[in-house]
Amino acid sequence: MTLRTVLRLWPLWLALGAALGGALAWGHYTSLRADLVATRADLAAARAEVSAYAEAVEIRRRSDETQARLREEAAALDHQLEQMEGGDAPLSDYLRTAAGRLWR
């Protein structure tokens, strides 16, 4: 092929180059779309995990509050029993055993 023939076929070369460029761009586009879909799925999974952790934190907070309230109530009861008249009197064997089981 001579240079003149090659130059006369420039529209063909241009069309081939455009087709090749379009094919490469389409391949890159579909690859980016697949990456975007995978990233969105990962993001949704991460959001669900964060939501689960937030729920677990809230459950733990409520449990800690309940435990603190129960400890305060038990301490108040102990204090009340210590302050009652006869609180320092020795217990019978039956009551000592029952109290020991109750306060273990």
N, C-alpha and C. Protein backbone atom coordinates (compact mmCIF):
# COMPACT_ATOMS: atom_id res chain seq x y z
N MET A 1 0.83 -1.17 0.00
CA MET A 1 0.00 0.00 0.00
C MET A 1 0.89 1.24 0.00
N THR A 2 0.50 2.15 -0.80
CA THR A 2 1.27 3.38 -0.87
C THR A 2 0.69 4.38 0.12
N LEU A 3 1.44 5.42 0.33
CA LEU A 3 1.00 6.46 1.25
C LEU A 3 -0.26 7.13 0.73
N ARG A 4 -0.35 7.27 -0.56
CA ARG A 4 -1.52 7.90 -1.16
C ARG A 4 -2.77 7.04 -0.90
N THR A 5 -2.66 5.73 -0.99
CA THR A 5 -3.78 4.83 -0.75
C THR A 5 -4.20 4.88 0.72
N VAL A 6 -3.18 4.90 1.59
CA VAL A 6 -3.47 4.97 3.02
C VAL A 6 -4.17 6.27 3.35
N LEU A 7 -3.72 7.37 2.74
CA LEU A 7 -4.34 8.66 3.01
C LEU A 7 -5.75 8.76 2.43
N ARG A 8 -5.99 8.07 1.32
CA ARG A 8 -7.33 8.09 0.75
C ARG A 8 -8.33 7.31 1.61
N LEU A 9 -7.81 6.38 2.38
CA LEU A 9 -8.68 5.56 3.23
C LEU A 9 -8.82 6.12 4.66
N TRP A 10 -8.47 7.38 4.85
CA TRP A 10 -8.51 7.95 6.20
C TRP A 10 -9.90 7.88 6.84
N PRO A 11 -11.01 8.02 6.10
CA PRO A 11 -12.31 7.86 6.77
C PRO A 11 -12.49 6.45 7.34
N LEU A 12 -11.97 5.46 6.64
CA LEU A 12 -12.06 4.09 7.14
C LEU A 12 -11.23 3.93 8.40
N TRP A 13 -10.01 4.47 8.40
CA TRP A 13 -9.14 4.39 9.58
C TRP A 13 -9.78 5.14 10.76
N LEU A 14 -10.36 6.27 10.43
CA LEU A 14 -11.03 7.05 11.48
C LEU A 14 -12.21 6.26 12.06
N ALA A 15 -12.99 5.63 11.21
CA ALA A 15 -14.12 4.83 11.68
C ALA A 15 -13.66 3.65 12.51
N LEU A 16 -12.58 2.98 12.05
CA LEU A 16 -12.03 1.86 12.83
C LEU A 16 -11.52 2.33 14.18
N GLY A 17 -10.83 3.46 14.20
CA GLY A 17 -10.33 4.01 15.47
C GLY A 17 -11.46 4.39 16.41
N ALA A 18 -12.50 5.00 15.85
CA ALA A 18 -13.65 5.37 16.67
C ALA A 18 -14.35 4.14 17.22
N ALA A 19 -14.49 3.10 16.39
CA ALA A 19 -15.13 1.86 16.85
C ALA A 19 -14.30 1.21 17.95
N LEU A 20 -12.99 1.18 17.76
CA LEU A 20 -12.12 0.60 18.79
C LEU A 20 -12.20 1.41 20.08
N GLY A 21 -12.13 2.74 19.94
CA GLY A 21 -12.25 3.59 21.13
C GLY A 21 -13.59 3.43 21.82
N GLY A 22 -14.66 3.33 21.05
CA GLY A 22 -15.98 3.13 21.63
C GLY A 22 -16.08 1.80 22.36
N ALA A 23 -15.51 0.76 21.77
CA ALA A 23 -15.53 -0.55 22.42
C ALA A 23 -14.75 -0.53 23.73
N LEU A 24 -13.58 0.12 23.71
CA LEU A 24 -12.79 0.22 24.95
C LEU A 24 -13.53 1.05 26.00
N ALA A 25 -14.14 2.15 25.57
CA ALA A 25 -14.89 2.99 26.51
C ALA A 25 -16.08 2.22 27.08
N TRP A 26 -16.78 1.45 26.24
CA TRP A 26 -17.92 0.66 26.72
C TRP A 26 -17.47 -0.39 27.73
N GLY A 27 -16.36 -1.03 27.46
CA GLY A 27 -15.82 -2.02 28.40
C GLY A 27 -15.46 -1.38 29.73
N HIS A 28 -14.85 -0.21 29.67
CA HIS A 28 -14.49 0.49 30.90
C HIS A 28 -15.75 0.92 31.65
N TYR A 29 -16.76 1.39 30.92
CA TYR A 29 -18.02 1.81 31.53
C TYR A 29 -18.70 0.65 32.25
N THR A 30 -18.78 -0.51 31.59
CA THR A 30 -19.43 -1.65 32.23
C THR A 30 -18.65 -2.13 33.45
N SER A 31 -17.33 -2.03 33.38
CA SER A 31 -16.50 -2.39 34.54
C SER A 31 -16.78 -1.44 35.71
N LEU A 32 -16.86 -0.15 35.41
CA LEU A 32 -17.15 0.83 36.45
C LEU A 32 -18.55 0.63 37.03
N ARG A 33 -19.53 0.28 36.18
CA ARG A 33 -20.88 0.01 36.67
C ARG A 33 -20.89 -1.18 37.62
N ALA A 34 -20.15 -2.23 37.26
CA ALA A 34 -20.08 -3.42 38.13
C ALA A 34 -19.42 -3.05 39.46
N ASP A 35 -18.37 -2.24 39.42
CA ASP A 35 -17.73 -1.79 40.65
C ASP A 35 -18.69 -0.96 41.50
N LEU A 36 -19.47 -0.11 40.85
CA LEU A 36 -20.43 0.71 41.58
C LEU A 36 -21.49 -0.14 42.26
N VAL A 37 -21.98 -1.15 41.56
CA VAL A 37 -22.99 -2.04 42.15
C VAL A 37 -22.41 -2.78 43.35
N ALA A 38 -21.18 -3.27 43.20
CA ALA A 38 -20.53 -3.99 44.31
C ALA A 38 -20.29 -3.04 45.49
N THR A 39 -19.89 -1.82 45.21
CA THR A 39 -19.64 -0.85 46.28
C THR A 39 -20.93 -0.49 47.00
N ARG A 40 -22.01 -0.35 46.24
CA ARG A 40 -23.30 -0.06 46.88
C ARG A 40 -23.76 -1.22 47.76
N ALA A 41 -23.51 -2.44 47.32
CA ALA A 41 -23.87 -3.61 48.14
C ALA A 41 -23.03 -3.63 49.42
N ASP A 42 -21.74 -3.32 49.29
CA ASP A 42 -20.87 -3.26 50.47
C ASP A 42 -21.33 -2.17 51.43
N LEU A 43 -21.73 -1.03 50.88
CA LEU A 43 -22.21 0.08 51.71
C LEU A 43 -23.49 -0.31 52.44
N ALA A 44 -24.39 -0.97 51.76
CA ALA A 44 -25.63 -1.41 52.41
C ALA A 44 -25.34 -2.40 53.54
N ALA A 45 -24.41 -3.31 53.29
CA ALA A 45 -24.04 -4.28 54.34
C ALA A 45 -23.39 -3.57 55.53
N ALA A 46 -22.53 -2.60 55.24
CA ALA A 46 -21.88 -1.86 56.33
C ALA A 46 -22.89 -1.05 57.12
N ARG A 47 -23.87 -0.44 56.44
CA ARG A 47 -24.90 0.31 57.15
C ARG A 47 -25.73 -0.61 58.04
N ALA A 48 -26.04 -1.80 57.55
CA ALA A 48 -26.80 -2.76 58.35
C ALA A 48 -26.01 -3.18 59.58
N GLU A 49 -24.71 -3.37 59.39
CA GLU A 49 -23.86 -3.76 60.52
C GLU A 49 -23.78 -2.64 61.56
N VAL A 50 -23.63 -1.41 61.09
CA VAL A 50 -23.58 -0.27 62.01
C VAL A 50 -24.91 -0.14 62.75
N SER A 51 -26.02 -0.35 62.05
CA SER A 51 -27.33 -0.30 62.68
C SER A 51 -27.46 -1.38 63.76
N ALA A 52 -26.96 -2.57 63.47
CA ALA A 52 -27.01 -3.66 64.45
C ALA A 52 -26.17 -3.32 65.68
N TYR A 53 -24.98 -2.73 65.44
CA TYR A 53 -24.14 -2.33 66.57
C TYR A 53 -24.82 -1.24 67.40
N ALA A 54 -25.48 -0.29 66.74
CA ALA A 54 -26.18 0.76 67.47
C ALA A 54 -27.31 0.18 68.31
N GLU A 55 -28.01 -0.79 67.76
CA GLU A 55 -29.08 -1.44 68.52
C GLU A 55 -28.51 -2.21 69.72
N ALA A 56 -27.38 -2.87 69.52
CA ALA A 56 -26.74 -3.60 70.62
C ALA A 56 -26.29 -2.64 71.72
N VAL A 57 -25.78 -1.48 71.32
CA VAL A 57 -25.36 -0.47 72.30
C VAL A 57 -26.57 0.01 73.11
N GLU A 58 -27.69 0.24 72.43
CA GLU A 58 -28.89 0.69 73.12
C GLU A 58 -29.40 -0.38 74.09
N ILE A 59 -29.38 -1.63 73.68
CA ILE A 59 -29.80 -2.72 74.58
C ILE A 59 -28.88 -2.79 75.78
N ARG A 60 -27.57 -2.67 75.54
CA ARG A 60 -26.60 -2.71 76.65
C ARG A 60 -26.81 -1.54 77.60
N ARG A 61 -27.09 -0.34 77.05
CA ARG A 61 -27.32 0.83 77.90
C ARG A 61 -28.54 0.62 78.79
N ARG A 62 -29.63 0.11 78.21
CA ARG A 62 -30.83 -0.14 79.02
C ARG A 62 -30.56 -1.20 80.08
N SER A 63 -29.81 -2.23 79.72
CA SER A 63 -29.47 -3.28 80.68
C SER A 63 -28.62 -2.72 81.82
N ASP A 64 -27.64 -1.88 81.48
CA ASP A 64 -26.80 -1.27 82.52
C ASP A 64 -27.63 -0.38 83.44
N GLU A 65 -28.59 0.37 82.87
CA GLU A 65 -29.44 1.21 83.70
C GLU A 65 -30.28 0.36 84.64
N THR A 66 -30.81 -0.74 84.13
CA THR A 66 -31.62 -1.63 84.97
C THR A 66 -30.78 -2.24 86.09
N GLN A 67 -29.58 -2.68 85.75
CA GLN A 67 -28.69 -3.26 86.76
C GLN A 67 -28.33 -2.23 87.83
N ALA A 68 -28.06 -1.00 87.42
CA ALA A 68 -27.72 0.05 88.38
C ALA A 68 -28.91 0.33 89.30
N ARG A 69 -30.11 0.38 88.72
CA ARG A 69 -31.31 0.60 89.54
C ARG A 69 -31.50 -0.53 90.54
N LEU A 70 -31.32 -1.77 90.10
CA LEU A 70 -31.48 -2.91 91.00
C LEU A 70 -30.43 -2.89 92.11
N ARG A 71 -29.19 -2.51 91.77
CA ARG A 71 -28.16 -2.41 92.82
C ARG A 71 -28.51 -1.34 93.85
N GLU A 72 -29.02 -0.19 93.35
CA GLU A 72 -29.41 0.88 94.28
C GLU A 72 -30.55 0.44 95.18
N GLU A 73 -31.53 -0.26 94.61
CA GLU A 73 -32.65 -0.74 95.41
C GLU A 73 -32.19 -1.77 96.45
N ALA A 74 -31.28 -2.65 96.06
CA ALA A 74 -30.76 -3.65 97.01
C ALA A 74 -29.97 -2.98 98.12
N ALA A 75 -29.17 -1.97 97.76
CA ALA A 75 -28.40 -1.26 98.78
C ALA A 75 -29.33 -0.52 99.73
N ALA A 76 -30.40 0.07 99.20
CA ALA A 76 -31.36 0.78 100.05
C ALA A 76 -32.06 -0.20 101.00
N LEU A 77 -32.40 -1.38 100.48
CA LEU A 77 -33.04 -2.39 101.33
C LEU A 77 -32.08 -2.85 102.42
N ASP A 78 -30.83 -3.10 102.07
CA ASP A 78 -29.84 -3.50 103.07
C ASP A 78 -29.71 -2.43 104.14
N HIS A 79 -29.64 -1.17 103.70
CA HIS A 79 -29.49 -0.07 104.66
C HIS A 79 -30.72 0.01 105.57
N GLN A 80 -31.90 -0.15 104.98
CA GLN A 80 -33.13 -0.11 105.76
C GLN A 80 -33.16 -1.23 106.79
N LEU A 81 -32.76 -2.43 106.38
CA LEU A 81 -32.76 -3.56 107.32
C LEU A 81 -31.74 -3.36 108.43
N GLU A 82 -30.60 -2.75 108.10
CA GLU A 82 -29.58 -2.48 109.13
C GLU A 82 -30.07 -1.44 110.13
N GLN A 83 -30.89 -0.51 109.70
CA GLN A 83 -31.33 0.58 110.56
C GLN A 83 -32.56 0.22 111.39
N MET A 84 -33.22 -0.87 111.05
CA MET A 84 -34.42 -1.25 111.78
C MET A 84 -34.06 -1.68 113.20
N GLU A 85 -35.02 -1.53 114.08
CA GLU A 85 -34.80 -1.97 115.46
C GLU A 85 -34.60 -3.47 115.48
N GLY A 86 -33.59 -3.91 116.14
CA GLY A 86 -33.26 -5.33 116.21
C GLY A 86 -32.44 -5.78 115.02
N GLY A 87 -31.97 -4.85 114.22
CA GLY A 87 -31.16 -5.18 113.05
C GLY A 87 -29.83 -5.80 113.42
N ASP A 88 -29.37 -5.54 114.64
CA ASP A 88 -28.09 -6.11 115.05
C ASP A 88 -28.27 -7.37 115.89
N ALA A 89 -29.52 -7.83 116.05
CA ALA A 89 -29.77 -9.04 116.84
C ALA A 89 -29.38 -10.27 116.01
N PRO A 90 -28.89 -11.32 116.69
CA PRO A 90 -28.53 -12.53 115.96
C PRO A 90 -29.78 -13.21 115.40
N LEU A 91 -29.60 -13.82 114.23
CA LEU A 91 -30.72 -14.52 113.58
C LEU A 91 -30.77 -15.97 114.03
N SER A 92 -31.96 -16.55 113.94
CA SER A 92 -32.07 -17.99 114.22
C SER A 92 -31.37 -18.74 113.08
N ASP A 93 -31.09 -20.01 113.31
CA ASP A 93 -30.42 -20.80 112.27
C ASP A 93 -31.24 -20.83 110.99
N TYR A 94 -32.54 -20.91 111.12
CA TYR A 94 -33.43 -20.95 109.96
C TYR A 94 -33.33 -19.64 109.16
N LEU A 95 -33.46 -18.52 109.86
CA LEU A 95 -33.41 -17.22 109.17
C LEU A 95 -32.01 -16.95 108.61
N ARG A 96 -30.96 -17.36 109.32
CA ARG A 96 -29.59 -17.15 108.83
C ARG A 96 -29.37 -17.91 107.52
N THR A 97 -29.87 -19.17 107.46
CA THR A 97 -29.74 -19.96 106.25
C THR A 97 -30.54 -19.34 105.11
N ALA A 98 -31.77 -18.91 105.41
CA ALA A 98 -32.61 -18.29 104.37
C ALA A 98 -31.99 -17.00 103.86
N ALA A 99 -31.49 -16.17 104.77
CA ALA A 99 -30.86 -14.91 104.36
C ALA A 99 -29.58 -15.17 103.57
N GLY A 100 -28.82 -16.18 103.97
CA GLY A 100 -27.61 -16.52 103.23
C GLY A 100 -27.92 -16.93 101.80
N ARG A 101 -28.98 -17.70 101.64
CA ARG A 101 -29.36 -18.10 100.28
C ARG A 101 -29.89 -16.92 99.47
N LEU A 102 -30.60 -16.03 100.15
CA LEU A 102 -31.19 -14.89 99.48
C LEU A 102 -30.13 -13.89 99.02
N TRP A 103 -29.10 -13.65 99.81
CA TRP A 103 -28.11 -12.63 99.51
C TRP A 103 -26.84 -13.16 98.86
N ARG A 104 -26.84 -14.37 98.41
CA ARG A 104 -25.65 -14.91 97.72
C ARG A 104 -25.48 -14.30 96.39
